[in-house]
Amino acid sequence: MSRPRIVIVGAGFAGYRTARTLSRLTRHQADITLLNPTDYFLYLPLLPQVAAGILEPRRVTVSLSGTLPRVRLVLGEADGIDLDGRTVHYTDPEGETGTLPYDRLVISVGSVNKLLPIPGVAEHAHGFRGLPEALYLRDHVTRQMELAAAADDPKSCSARCTFVVVGAGYTGTEVAAHGQMYTDAQVRRQPLREGVRPRWMLLDVAPRVLPEMDERLSRTADRVLRERGVDVRMGTSVKEATHDGVLLTDGEFVRTRTLVWCVGVRPDPLVESVGQPLERGRLIVDPYLQVPGRSEVFACGDAAAVPDLNKPGSFTPMTAQHAWRHGQVAARNVAASLGIGERRAYRHRDLGFVVDLGGAKAAANPLGVPLPGPLAGPVARGYHLAAMPGNRVRVAADWLLDAVLPRQAVQLGLVRSWSVPLDTSSPELARVPGGPERREKEKEGEREKDRERESSGVGSGPGAAVEADAADTGGTTDASTPPDEPAEPAKNQPGGELAKNQPGGEPAKNQPGGELAKNQPGAEPAKNQPGGEPAKNQSGGEPAKNQPGGEPAKNQPGAEPSEPPGPVKRPDTPAEGDS
């Protein structure tokens, strides 16, 4: 008899805890598969310390394959879930598609940046939900401080060292607190113009900092921020964002080159495609974390609207603390559905919160007991060490080194601005040239061309390929094409686009990772080979694109500038989540 197949989609706090607990409970009695875009679990609460140069990026990541025995890891992004067919469809990092059949399914895809219809925000702001965004922010802040120190124009200097953070929740508060300390340390080594110092602004429409937490924590955090020099403005947000700055809702225009978007999160858009009832974008589940009417499907974490049994009529908030405990209950109930143990409803008891404000400063109320400043710092860091599923010694070592040594304020340039767009369904992945998103876009373009050809009457029989080429170029298939017909420059010549086998370009079609060359076995005949179309620079063919009479290269004077490839987004409808 075959073993039951369990598929877990997403390895955030809920998904990782589900996989780890199920691995322990089932012990070879089930096949567990974990689908995730990355091979690590990210400990999000320490991400602001990565952006501030305190922790190295790998310190806040935990290897999935190294810490989840008896769990099969599949790298990929889920594209759709067929509940009737009991399959999950996904795309791997190289653009290939796959399908995972299941007997039990756990949906724990987490959340993404919450968007608001504010002009310019999507183009000029960056979120803070993944490791690539944290690395980009660290490089960007470092670069702006270095450019500000070398600027001759006082206005330019002031704009570059002004940093605006929108959202005074858990993440935004920590980003502003750590960011102010990071830039102050840079100024001590490389002073700015006389009378200019780094300026961090924290904005929120809420009446106080950390509005979702205990009021005593809010007062502590607000006091620490203001003492450190952060410009805290409650009841204020961004009305419009531009390249030169942001227009605030109170009418003031702030010149800045940095806008960090921390207004909250919304469930991953994949949840909407499941076709089940939603509550503010989250899948409605029962107290046992099962989707009503689908006993084989479970959901937890930010993707699930879990009833709060301690507050009838409400749902548990979208926090890491709840997601971590959702995962344990979901694993027990999945195992119980297979005859292993007994299921139980999800109930929680608030354990309190900690907010690390950098240095020895923090705001904490473990078990509801508010702590004064000197004790809050060690408690906050001790809580994180206890909660992390790995890398505890390395994290503690980095904290010790940061206390006795100056930080290395250098920019590595590994993540560019266009690689981490705000409007993305995968903040955990940086967009790269020639990645799966670009290939999918090219395939969609080819399909659109095919549809246009069909509608224009181009056939599919013998000679259809030649007719299609003529339809695409608006030219003729006659071999007597005049040699001085305008053509575009060759893609491997100076002034042309990058050749597909050059650095930064797509792989050549006869190189590893690329398509088969047209003159290789199993491929279409090359255009200058017997049976193929005449080469464009041979007798009877069209003129080569690098011959006189061609159009100017796209990066030459008079031509349009080339742009880096942007992200391709899954179609989604923004759904508001809890801040």
Protein backbone atom coordinates (compact mmCIF):
# COMPACT_ATOMS: atom_id res chain seq x y z
CA MET A 1 0.00 0.00 0.00
CA SER A 2 1.43 3.38 -1.00
CA ARG A 3 2.10 5.97 1.64
CA PRO A 4 -0.07 9.11 1.75
CA ARG A 5 1.38 12.17 0.01
CA ILE A 6 1.48 15.43 1.97
CA VAL A 7 2.32 18.64 0.10
CA ILE A 8 3.15 21.85 2.01
CA VAL A 9 3.16 25.06 -0.06
CA GLY A 10 5.41 27.71 1.45
CA ALA A 11 8.20 27.56 4.05
CA GLY A 12 7.57 30.64 6.13
CA PHE A 13 6.93 30.45 9.87
CA ALA A 14 3.78 28.34 9.44
CA GLY A 15 5.02 26.10 6.61
CA TYR A 16 8.41 25.43 8.17
CA ARG A 17 6.89 24.52 11.54
CA THR A 18 4.34 22.27 9.83
CA ALA A 19 7.03 20.39 7.91
CA ARG A 20 9.28 20.00 10.95
CA THR A 21 6.49 18.74 13.20
CA LEU A 22 5.07 16.39 10.56
CA SER A 23 8.51 14.92 9.94
CA ARG A 24 8.70 14.03 13.62
CA LEU A 25 5.13 12.73 13.92
CA THR A 26 4.85 10.58 10.80
CA ARG A 27 8.35 9.01 10.79
CA HIS A 28 8.34 7.42 7.30
CA GLN A 29 4.58 6.77 7.38
CA ALA A 30 3.94 9.51 4.80
CA ASP A 31 5.75 11.20 1.93
CA ILE A 32 6.18 14.88 2.82
CA THR A 33 6.98 17.40 0.08
CA LEU A 34 7.75 21.06 0.77
CA LEU A 35 7.36 23.49 -2.16
CA ASN A 36 9.18 26.81 -1.72
CA PRO A 37 10.92 29.36 -3.99
CA THR A 38 14.09 29.34 -1.83
CA ASP A 39 16.04 26.65 -0.04
CA TYR A 40 15.91 28.43 3.31
CA PHE A 41 13.54 29.55 6.03
CA LEU A 42 13.85 33.30 6.68
CA TYR A 43 13.67 34.59 10.24
CA LEU A 44 11.93 37.87 9.39
CA PRO A 45 12.12 39.67 12.79
CA LEU A 46 15.90 40.08 12.41
CA LEU A 47 15.77 41.41 8.84
CA PRO A 48 16.16 45.09 9.95
CA GLN A 49 19.49 44.12 11.50
CA VAL A 50 20.64 42.78 8.14
CA ALA A 51 19.75 46.11 6.49
CA ALA A 52 21.67 47.95 9.23
CA GLY A 53 24.83 45.87 8.79
CA ILE A 54 24.64 44.16 12.20
CA LEU A 55 23.98 40.64 10.93
CA GLU A 56 25.26 38.93 7.81
CA PRO A 57 22.44 37.74 5.49
CA ARG A 58 23.00 34.02 6.04
CA ARG A 59 22.61 34.44 9.79
CA VAL A 60 18.84 34.95 9.44
CA THR A 61 18.37 32.01 7.06
CA VAL A 62 17.99 28.37 8.04
CA SER A 63 18.65 25.58 5.54
CA LEU A 64 15.50 23.61 4.74
CA SER A 65 17.22 20.44 3.59
CA GLY A 66 19.67 20.59 6.50
CA THR A 67 17.03 20.93 9.23
CA LEU A 68 14.04 19.00 7.87
CA PRO A 69 14.84 15.27 7.83
CA ARG A 70 12.51 13.04 5.83
CA VAL A 71 11.10 16.04 3.94
CA ARG A 72 11.55 16.34 0.18
CA LEU A 73 12.30 19.92 -0.92
CA VAL A 74 11.03 21.10 -4.31
CA LEU A 75 12.23 24.53 -5.41
CA GLY A 76 9.53 26.50 -7.21
CA GLU A 77 6.67 28.97 -7.02
CA ALA A 78 3.13 27.63 -6.91
CA ASP A 79 1.14 28.85 -9.93
CA GLY A 80 -2.20 27.24 -9.14
CA ILE A 81 -3.96 24.63 -7.05
CA ASP A 82 -6.50 22.19 -8.52
CA LEU A 83 -8.59 21.10 -5.56
CA ASP A 84 -10.71 18.70 -7.61
CA GLY A 85 -7.69 17.09 -9.24
CA ARG A 86 -5.69 17.24 -6.00
CA THR A 87 -2.62 18.70 -7.68
CA VAL A 88 -0.37 21.73 -7.20
CA HIS A 89 1.15 23.34 -10.29
CA TYR A 90 4.46 25.17 -9.96
CA THR A 91 7.32 26.78 -11.89
CA ASP A 92 10.91 26.06 -10.86
CA PRO A 93 13.77 28.63 -10.80
CA GLU A 94 14.73 27.75 -14.40
CA GLY A 95 11.26 28.31 -15.79
CA GLU A 96 10.23 24.67 -16.09
CA THR A 97 6.75 23.69 -14.93
CA GLY A 98 5.78 20.77 -12.75
CA THR A 99 2.88 19.16 -10.90
CA LEU A 100 2.71 17.73 -7.38
CA PRO A 101 -0.16 15.32 -6.57
CA TYR A 102 -1.31 15.18 -2.97
CA ASP A 103 -3.54 13.37 -0.52
CA ARG A 104 -3.20 16.13 2.07
CA LEU A 105 -2.43 19.75 1.29
CA VAL A 106 -1.22 22.52 3.61
CA ILE A 107 -1.42 26.05 2.18
CA SER A 108 1.01 28.33 4.00
CA VAL A 109 2.16 30.74 1.29
CA GLY A 110 2.45 33.71 3.64
CA SER A 111 2.04 37.34 2.65
CA VAL A 112 3.41 40.10 0.41
CA ASN A 113 3.66 43.90 0.61
CA LYS A 114 0.30 45.63 0.96
CA LEU A 115 -0.27 48.22 -1.77
CA LEU A 116 -2.28 51.42 -1.58
CA PRO A 117 -3.48 53.48 -4.58
CA ILE A 118 -1.03 56.33 -4.01
CA PRO A 119 0.53 57.87 -7.16
CA GLY A 120 4.19 57.05 -7.63
CA VAL A 121 4.55 54.63 -4.73
CA ALA A 122 4.81 51.47 -6.85
CA GLU A 123 7.52 53.10 -8.99
CA HIS A 124 9.63 54.80 -6.29
CA ALA A 125 9.13 52.82 -3.06
CA HIS A 126 10.59 49.51 -1.96
CA GLY A 127 9.18 47.01 0.49
CA PHE A 128 10.77 45.05 3.29
CA ARG A 129 9.50 41.48 3.15
CA GLY A 130 12.47 39.51 1.84
CA LEU A 131 16.22 39.15 2.01
CA PRO A 132 16.80 40.80 -1.41
CA GLU A 133 14.94 43.94 -0.23
CA ALA A 134 17.04 44.12 2.94
CA LEU A 135 20.28 43.78 0.96
CA TYR A 136 19.13 46.44 -1.50
CA LEU A 137 18.24 48.86 1.31
CA ARG A 138 21.64 48.42 2.97
CA ASP A 139 23.45 49.12 -0.30
CA HIS A 140 21.14 52.01 -1.17
CA VAL A 141 21.48 53.77 2.20
CA THR A 142 25.26 53.33 2.14
CA ARG A 143 25.46 54.73 -1.39
CA GLN A 144 23.28 57.73 -0.59
CA MET A 145 25.43 58.61 2.41
CA GLU A 146 28.61 58.36 0.35
CA LEU A 147 27.14 60.51 -2.43
CA ALA A 148 25.87 63.03 0.12
CA ALA A 149 29.35 63.36 1.65
CA ALA A 150 30.80 64.16 -1.79
CA ALA A 151 27.98 66.45 -2.97
CA ASP A 152 28.74 70.14 -3.58
CA ASP A 153 25.07 71.16 -3.68
CA PRO A 154 23.59 71.51 -0.15
CA LYS A 155 20.09 70.61 -1.39
CA SER A 156 21.35 67.42 -3.04
CA CYS A 157 23.29 66.51 0.10
CA SER A 158 20.22 67.01 2.29
CA ALA A 159 17.94 65.00 -0.04
CA ARG A 160 20.33 62.04 -0.21
CA CYS A 161 20.67 61.74 3.56
CA THR A 162 16.90 61.98 4.16
CA PHE A 163 15.18 58.59 4.52
CA VAL A 164 11.39 58.21 4.71
CA VAL A 165 9.81 55.09 6.26
CA VAL A 166 6.04 54.71 5.88
CA GLY A 167 4.34 52.51 8.45
CA ALA A 168 5.02 52.66 12.20
CA GLY A 169 4.22 49.03 12.89
CA TYR A 170 6.69 46.39 14.04
CA THR A 171 8.84 46.41 10.89
CA GLY A 172 8.81 50.13 10.11
CA THR A 173 9.69 51.08 13.70
CA GLU A 174 12.70 48.75 13.76
CA VAL A 175 13.88 49.86 10.29
CA ALA A 176 13.84 53.52 11.33
CA ALA A 177 15.50 52.83 14.69
CA HIS A 178 18.33 50.73 13.26
CA GLY A 179 18.67 52.94 10.18
CA GLN A 180 19.30 56.08 12.25
CA MET A 181 22.08 54.33 14.17
CA TYR A 182 23.63 53.00 10.96
CA THR A 183 23.81 56.38 9.21
CA ASP A 184 25.02 58.17 12.35
CA ALA A 185 27.92 55.71 12.52
CA GLN A 186 28.79 56.48 8.88
CA VAL A 187 28.80 60.22 9.54
CA ARG A 188 31.28 59.82 12.39
CA ARG A 189 33.75 58.30 9.92
CA GLN A 190 32.85 60.45 6.90
CA PRO A 191 31.31 63.79 7.96
CA LEU A 192 28.71 65.56 5.83
CA ARG A 193 28.56 69.26 5.02
CA GLU A 194 28.50 71.56 8.00
CA GLY A 195 25.03 71.66 9.57
CA VAL A 196 23.75 68.54 7.77
CA ARG A 197 23.07 65.23 9.50
CA PRO A 198 21.15 62.09 8.50
CA ARG A 199 17.40 62.45 8.87
CA TRP A 200 15.05 59.51 9.25
CA MET A 201 11.30 60.11 9.11
CA LEU A 202 8.69 57.63 10.37
CA LEU A 203 5.16 58.24 9.08
CA ASP A 204 1.84 56.59 9.85
CA VAL A 205 -1.82 57.54 9.76
CA ALA A 206 -2.25 55.85 13.15
CA PRO A 207 -2.32 58.01 16.28
CA ARG A 208 0.75 56.33 17.83
CA VAL A 209 3.78 54.19 17.09
CA LEU A 210 3.14 50.42 17.21
CA PRO A 211 -0.65 50.90 17.21
CA GLU A 212 -1.37 47.16 17.33
CA MET A 213 0.67 46.63 20.52
CA ASP A 214 0.34 47.59 24.15
CA GLU A 215 0.27 51.34 24.71
CA ARG A 216 3.21 51.15 27.11
CA LEU A 217 5.35 49.59 24.37
CA SER A 218 4.28 52.40 22.05
CA ARG A 219 5.40 55.07 24.52
CA THR A 220 8.76 53.38 25.04
CA ALA A 221 9.43 53.02 21.31
CA ASP A 222 8.31 56.59 20.59
CA ARG A 223 10.62 57.99 23.28
CA VAL A 224 13.65 56.01 22.05
CA LEU A 225 13.07 57.05 18.43
CA ARG A 226 12.76 60.75 19.25
CA GLU A 227 15.81 60.72 21.53
CA ARG A 228 17.81 59.14 18.73
CA GLY A 229 16.75 61.88 16.30
CA VAL A 230 14.06 60.12 14.24
CA ASP A 231 11.37 62.52 12.98
CA VAL A 232 8.21 60.69 14.13
CA ARG A 233 5.00 61.99 12.52
CA MET A 234 1.76 60.30 13.42
CA GLY A 235 -1.45 61.05 11.54
CA THR A 236 0.61 61.72 8.41
CA SER A 237 1.35 59.65 5.33
CA VAL A 238 2.43 59.97 1.70
CA LYS A 239 0.09 61.60 -0.80
CA GLU A 240 2.37 61.24 -3.83
CA ALA A 241 5.86 59.90 -4.51
CA THR A 242 8.23 61.24 -7.16
CA HIS A 243 11.86 60.75 -8.14
CA ASP A 244 12.87 63.87 -6.19
CA GLY A 245 10.85 63.30 -3.02
CA VAL A 246 7.47 62.69 -1.45
CA LEU A 247 4.43 64.92 -0.96
CA LEU A 248 2.93 64.38 2.49
CA THR A 249 -0.75 64.46 3.35
CA ASP A 250 -0.17 67.63 5.40
CA GLY A 251 1.02 69.43 2.24
CA GLU A 252 4.78 69.38 2.92
CA PHE A 253 7.14 68.20 0.18
CA VAL A 254 10.15 66.28 1.50
CA ARG A 255 13.14 65.98 -0.80
CA THR A 256 14.48 62.44 -0.57
CA ARG A 257 15.84 59.57 -2.65
CA THR A 258 14.66 56.83 -0.29
CA LEU A 259 11.11 55.63 0.41
CA VAL A 260 10.71 52.44 2.46
CA TRP A 261 7.20 50.94 2.39
CA CYS A 262 6.24 49.12 5.60
CA VAL A 263 2.49 49.79 5.77
CA GLY A 264 1.58 46.16 6.33
CA VAL A 265 1.01 42.95 4.44
CA ARG A 266 -1.67 41.17 2.45
CA PRO A 267 -2.08 37.43 1.78
CA ASP A 268 -0.21 35.96 -1.17
CA PRO A 269 -2.32 36.38 -4.38
CA LEU A 270 -2.23 32.59 -4.87
CA VAL A 271 -4.88 32.28 -2.16
CA GLU A 272 -7.47 34.02 -4.31
CA SER A 273 -7.02 31.49 -7.12
CA VAL A 274 -8.03 28.57 -4.91
CA GLY A 275 -11.70 29.46 -5.34
CA GLN A 276 -12.73 29.07 -1.68
CA PRO A 277 -14.42 31.64 0.61
CA LEU A 278 -12.11 34.43 1.77
CA GLU A 279 -11.96 36.88 4.64
CA ARG A 280 -10.03 40.00 3.59
CA GLY A 281 -7.96 37.89 1.19
CA ARG A 282 -7.36 34.99 3.61
CA LEU A 283 -8.76 31.48 3.28
CA ILE A 284 -11.50 30.85 5.81
CA VAL A 285 -10.75 27.75 7.90
CA ASP A 286 -12.35 26.13 10.91
CA PRO A 287 -10.69 26.00 14.36
CA TYR A 288 -8.88 22.84 13.21
CA LEU A 289 -7.31 24.79 10.32
CA GLN A 290 -9.24 22.79 7.72
CA VAL A 291 -10.90 24.41 4.72
CA PRO A 292 -14.69 23.84 5.02
CA GLY A 293 -15.91 21.26 2.51
CA ARG A 294 -12.34 20.15 1.78
CA SER A 295 -11.28 17.82 4.57
CA GLU A 296 -7.96 17.09 2.85
CA VAL A 297 -6.94 20.78 2.62
CA PHE A 298 -5.47 22.77 5.52
CA ALA A 299 -4.32 26.39 5.66
CA CYS A 300 -2.29 28.30 8.23
CA GLY A 301 -0.18 31.41 8.73
CA ASP A 302 -0.93 34.68 6.94
CA ALA A 303 -2.81 32.77 4.22
CA ALA A 304 -5.53 31.60 6.64
CA ALA A 305 -8.30 33.37 8.51
CA VAL A 306 -8.19 31.31 11.70
CA PRO A 307 -11.04 31.84 14.20
CA ASP A 308 -9.86 33.34 17.49
CA LEU A 309 -11.57 31.16 20.07
CA ASN A 310 -10.57 33.58 22.82
CA LYS A 311 -12.36 36.42 20.99
CA PRO A 312 -15.46 34.95 19.32
CA GLY A 313 -16.29 36.54 15.99
CA SER A 314 -12.71 37.64 15.22
CA PHE A 315 -9.70 36.05 13.55
CA THR A 316 -6.12 35.72 14.72
CA PRO A 317 -3.88 38.55 13.45
CA MET A 318 -1.20 38.10 10.80
CA THR A 319 1.87 37.84 13.04
CA ALA A 320 4.89 35.56 13.10
CA GLN A 321 3.98 34.39 16.59
CA HIS A 322 0.58 33.10 15.43
CA ALA A 323 1.97 31.62 12.22
CA TRP A 324 4.58 29.63 14.15
CA ARG A 325 1.93 28.14 16.43
CA HIS A 326 -0.50 27.60 13.51
CA GLY A 327 2.13 25.35 11.96
CA GLN A 328 2.35 23.06 14.95
CA VAL A 329 -1.43 22.65 15.21
CA ALA A 330 -1.79 22.14 11.44
CA ALA A 331 0.84 19.37 11.53
CA ARG A 332 -0.91 17.59 14.40
CA ASN A 333 -4.26 17.75 12.63
CA VAL A 334 -2.84 16.53 9.31
CA ALA A 335 -1.27 13.60 11.13
CA ALA A 336 -4.56 12.95 12.93
CA SER A 337 -6.38 12.80 9.57
CA LEU A 338 -4.01 9.94 8.70
CA GLY A 339 -4.74 8.08 11.93
CA ILE A 340 -1.72 9.35 13.88
CA GLY A 341 -2.72 11.00 17.14
CA GLU A 342 -5.75 13.18 17.77
CA ARG A 343 -6.65 16.51 16.29
CA ARG A 344 -7.10 19.68 18.32
CA ALA A 345 -8.48 23.17 17.82
CA TYR A 346 -6.19 26.17 17.69
CA ARG A 347 -6.14 28.23 20.87
CA HIS A 348 -3.49 30.73 21.81
CA ARG A 349 -2.30 32.68 24.79
CA ASP A 350 -0.57 36.00 24.15
CA LEU A 351 3.08 35.64 25.11
CA GLY A 352 3.83 39.33 24.67
CA PHE A 353 6.01 41.13 22.12
CA VAL A 354 9.55 42.40 21.84
CA VAL A 355 10.75 45.23 19.58
CA ASP A 356 14.53 45.55 19.14
CA LEU A 357 15.39 49.24 18.70
CA GLY A 358 19.14 48.80 18.29
CA GLY A 359 22.00 48.91 20.74
CA ALA A 360 20.77 48.24 24.27
CA LYS A 361 17.35 49.78 23.55
CA ALA A 362 14.17 47.74 23.15
CA ALA A 363 10.51 47.61 24.08
CA ALA A 364 9.26 44.35 25.55
CA ASN A 365 6.38 42.94 27.58
CA PRO A 366 6.99 39.20 27.98
CA LEU A 367 3.85 37.47 29.30
CA GLY A 368 2.25 40.91 29.48
CA VAL A 369 4.77 42.34 31.95
CA PRO A 370 6.25 45.64 30.66
CA LEU A 371 10.00 45.90 31.21
CA PRO A 372 12.06 49.04 31.76
CA GLY A 373 14.72 50.02 29.22
CA PRO A 374 17.84 48.36 30.72
CA LEU A 375 16.14 44.95 30.89
CA ALA A 376 14.19 45.10 27.63
CA GLY A 377 17.28 44.89 25.37
CA PRO A 378 18.68 41.57 26.70
CA VAL A 379 15.16 40.08 26.88
CA ALA A 380 14.44 41.01 23.24
CA ARG A 381 17.64 39.42 21.97
CA GLY A 382 17.25 36.41 24.22
CA TYR A 383 13.75 35.88 22.85
CA HIS A 384 15.03 35.91 19.26
CA LEU A 385 17.82 33.43 20.07
CA ALA A 386 15.29 31.08 21.67
CA ALA A 387 12.81 31.41 18.79
CA MET A 388 15.29 30.85 15.95
CA PRO A 389 15.36 27.24 14.71
CA GLY A 390 19.08 27.51 13.85
CA ASN A 391 22.19 29.74 13.62
CA ARG A 392 21.94 30.83 17.25
CA VAL A 393 25.70 30.79 17.88
CA ARG A 394 26.46 32.71 14.69
CA VAL A 395 23.83 35.36 15.48
CA ALA A 396 25.18 35.78 19.02
CA ALA A 397 28.71 36.07 17.64
CA ASP A 398 27.67 38.82 15.22
CA TRP A 399 26.01 40.73 18.05
CA LEU A 400 29.19 40.46 20.12
CA LEU A 401 31.38 41.66 17.24
CA ASP A 402 29.03 44.56 16.55
CA ALA A 403 29.35 45.66 20.17
CA VAL A 404 33.17 45.87 20.04
CA LEU A 405 34.00 46.58 16.38
CA PRO A 406 32.80 49.25 13.90
CA ARG A 407 30.42 48.12 11.17
CA GLN A 408 31.60 47.68 7.60
CA ALA A 409 29.70 50.30 5.62
CA VAL A 410 30.29 49.05 2.08
CA GLN A 411 27.91 48.52 -0.83
CA LEU A 412 28.19 45.21 -2.64
CA GLY A 413 25.87 46.08 -5.53
CA LEU A 414 24.40 42.58 -5.68
CA VAL A 415 20.75 43.69 -5.79
CA ARG A 416 19.62 46.51 -8.06
CA SER A 417 16.55 48.71 -7.71
CA TRP A 418 14.60 47.06 -10.55
CA SER A 419 15.30 43.62 -9.02
CA VAL A 420 13.11 44.32 -5.98
CA PRO A 421 9.89 45.99 -7.19
CA LEU A 422 7.30 46.86 -4.59
CA ASP A 423 4.45 45.30 -6.58
CA THR A 424 5.58 41.68 -6.60
CA SER A 425 4.03 38.41 -5.52
CA SER A 426 7.47 36.99 -4.60
CA PRO A 427 9.41 39.39 -2.35
CA GLU A 428 11.71 36.53 -1.37
CA LEU A 429 13.18 36.44 -4.89
CA ALA A 430 15.21 39.11 -6.67
CA ARG A 431 14.35 39.54 -10.35
CA VAL A 432 17.26 38.77 -12.69
CA PRO A 433 17.82 39.32 -16.45
CA GLY A 434 16.75 36.35 -18.53
CA GLY A 435 14.98 34.72 -15.58
CA PRO A 436 11.80 32.63 -15.78
CA GLU A 437 9.70 35.79 -15.72
CA ARG A 438 11.32 37.11 -18.90
CA ARG A 439 11.12 33.77 -20.66
CA GLU A 440 7.44 33.47 -19.78
CA LYS A 441 6.87 36.98 -21.13
CA GLU A 442 8.63 36.05 -24.38
CA LYS A 443 6.55 32.89 -24.69
CA GLU A 444 3.37 34.89 -24.15
CA GLY A 445 4.54 37.28 -26.88
CA GLU A 446 5.07 34.38 -29.25
CA ARG A 447 1.61 33.01 -28.46
CA GLU A 448 0.11 36.46 -29.13
CA LYS A 449 1.86 36.56 -32.50
CA ASP A 450 0.49 33.11 -33.33
CA ARG A 451 -3.02 34.31 -32.54
CA GLU A 452 -2.53 37.37 -34.76
CA ARG A 453 -1.31 35.17 -37.60
CA GLU A 454 -4.32 32.90 -37.28
CA SER A 455 -6.68 35.85 -37.32
CA SER A 456 -4.93 37.27 -40.40
CA GLY A 457 -5.32 34.01 -42.29
CA VAL A 458 -1.73 32.78 -42.20
CA GLY A 459 -1.93 29.00 -42.56
CA SER A 460 -0.09 26.20 -40.87
CA GLY A 461 0.74 24.05 -43.88
CA PRO A 462 3.83 24.04 -46.12
CA GLY A 463 5.22 27.51 -46.57
CA ALA A 464 3.43 28.89 -43.51
CA ALA A 465 6.69 29.70 -41.74
CA VAL A 466 7.84 31.86 -44.64
CA GLU A 467 4.47 33.63 -44.74
CA ALA A 468 4.60 34.20 -41.00
CA ASP A 469 8.05 35.79 -41.25
CA ALA A 470 6.77 38.09 -43.92
CA ALA A 471 3.73 38.99 -41.83
CA ASP A 472 5.92 39.77 -38.80
CA THR A 473 8.37 41.99 -40.65
CA GLY A 474 5.91 43.57 -43.05
CA GLY A 475 8.31 42.51 -45.83
CA THR A 476 8.19 40.11 -48.75
CA THR A 477 9.32 36.55 -49.30
CA ASP A 478 10.64 37.35 -52.78
CA ALA A 479 14.34 36.50 -53.09
CA SER A 480 14.91 39.74 -55.01
CA THR A 481 14.77 41.94 -51.89
CA PRO A 482 16.89 45.00 -52.63
CA PRO A 483 20.26 44.97 -50.77
CA ASP A 484 19.79 48.53 -49.44
CA GLU A 485 16.59 47.75 -47.54
CA PRO A 486 16.87 49.23 -43.99
CA ALA A 487 17.76 46.70 -41.35
CA GLU A 488 18.50 46.72 -37.62
CA PRO A 489 22.09 46.34 -36.38
CA ALA A 490 23.30 42.85 -35.62
CA LYS A 491 22.84 41.91 -32.01
CA ASN A 492 26.53 40.92 -31.61
CA GLN A 493 27.97 44.11 -33.09
CA PRO A 494 28.98 47.30 -31.30
CA GLY A 495 25.91 49.46 -30.74
CA GLY A 496 23.54 46.54 -30.96
CA GLU A 497 21.85 44.54 -28.25
CA LEU A 498 23.85 42.04 -26.26
CA ALA A 499 24.41 38.77 -28.09
CA LYS A 500 22.66 35.90 -26.49
CA ASN A 501 26.00 34.22 -25.68
CA GLN A 502 27.55 37.34 -24.13
CA PRO A 503 27.65 38.24 -20.43
CA GLY A 504 24.37 39.82 -19.36
CA GLY A 505 22.46 38.38 -22.30
CA GLU A 506 20.33 35.30 -22.66
CA PRO A 507 22.18 32.03 -23.20
CA ALA A 508 22.96 31.23 -26.81
CA LYS A 509 20.67 28.66 -28.27
CA ASN A 510 23.56 26.17 -28.70
CA GLN A 511 24.97 26.73 -25.21
CA PRO A 512 24.19 24.81 -22.02
CA GLY A 513 20.88 26.02 -20.60
CA GLY A 514 19.77 27.40 -23.95
CA GLU A 515 17.60 25.97 -26.72
CA LEU A 516 19.06 23.70 -29.34
CA ALA A 517 20.83 25.53 -32.12
CA LYS A 518 18.96 25.28 -35.36
CA ASN A 519 21.82 23.39 -37.04
CA GLN A 520 22.05 20.74 -34.31
CA PRO A 521 20.46 17.30 -34.41
CA GLY A 522 16.82 17.41 -33.45
CA ALA A 523 16.45 21.09 -34.21
CA GLU A 524 15.16 23.03 -37.18
CA PRO A 525 17.63 23.40 -40.06
CA ALA A 526 19.73 26.56 -39.96
CA LYS A 527 18.64 29.20 -42.38
CA ASN A 528 21.83 28.84 -44.44
CA GLN A 529 21.73 25.04 -44.59
CA PRO A 530 20.02 22.80 -47.16
CA GLY A 531 16.33 22.72 -46.48
CA GLY A 532 16.36 25.92 -44.48
CA GLU A 533 15.59 29.49 -45.37
CA PRO A 534 18.39 31.50 -46.95
CA ALA A 535 20.59 33.34 -44.43
CA LYS A 536 19.88 37.02 -44.30
CA ASN A 537 23.42 37.90 -45.40
CA GLN A 538 23.59 35.37 -48.24
CA SER A 539 22.61 35.71 -51.82
CA GLY A 540 18.87 35.66 -52.11
CA GLY A 541 18.28 36.51 -48.48
CA GLU A 542 17.47 39.72 -46.65
CA PRO A 543 20.35 42.07 -45.92
CA ALA A 544 22.20 41.48 -42.64
CA LYS A 545 21.10 43.71 -39.84
CA ASN A 546 24.62 45.12 -39.42
CA GLN A 547 24.91 46.44 -42.97
CA PRO A 548 24.69 50.08 -44.08
CA GLY A 549 21.14 51.36 -44.19
CA GLY A 550 20.14 49.79 -40.89
CA GLU A 551 18.46 51.53 -38.02
CA PRO A 552 20.62 53.04 -35.28
CA ALA A 553 21.41 50.84 -32.28
CA LYS A 554 19.14 51.32 -29.35
CA ASN A 555 21.93 52.63 -27.14
CA GLN A 556 23.29 55.14 -29.66
CA PRO A 557 22.44 58.87 -29.92
CA GLY A 558 18.98 59.32 -31.37
CA ALA A 559 17.73 55.95 -30.27
CA GLU A 560 15.58 54.99 -27.33
CA PRO A 561 17.53 53.98 -24.20
CA SER A 562 17.43 50.36 -23.21
CA GLU A 563 15.82 49.49 -19.91
CA PRO A 564 16.57 46.61 -17.57
CA PRO A 565 14.04 43.84 -17.61
CA GLY A 566 11.26 44.36 -15.10
CA PRO A 567 9.28 41.82 -13.13
CA VAL A 568 6.38 39.85 -14.41
CA LYS A 569 3.60 39.69 -11.87
CA ARG A 570 1.01 37.04 -11.31
CA PRO A 571 -2.40 38.55 -11.96
CA ASP A 572 -3.77 39.48 -8.62
CA THR A 573 -6.31 41.71 -7.01
CA PRO A 574 -4.89 43.52 -3.98
CA ALA A 575 -6.56 42.38 -0.83
CA GLU A 576 -6.11 44.27 2.35
CA GLY A 577 -4.45 42.45 5.23
CA ASP A 578 -3.95 43.42 8.81
CA SER A 579 -1.17 45.90 9.43
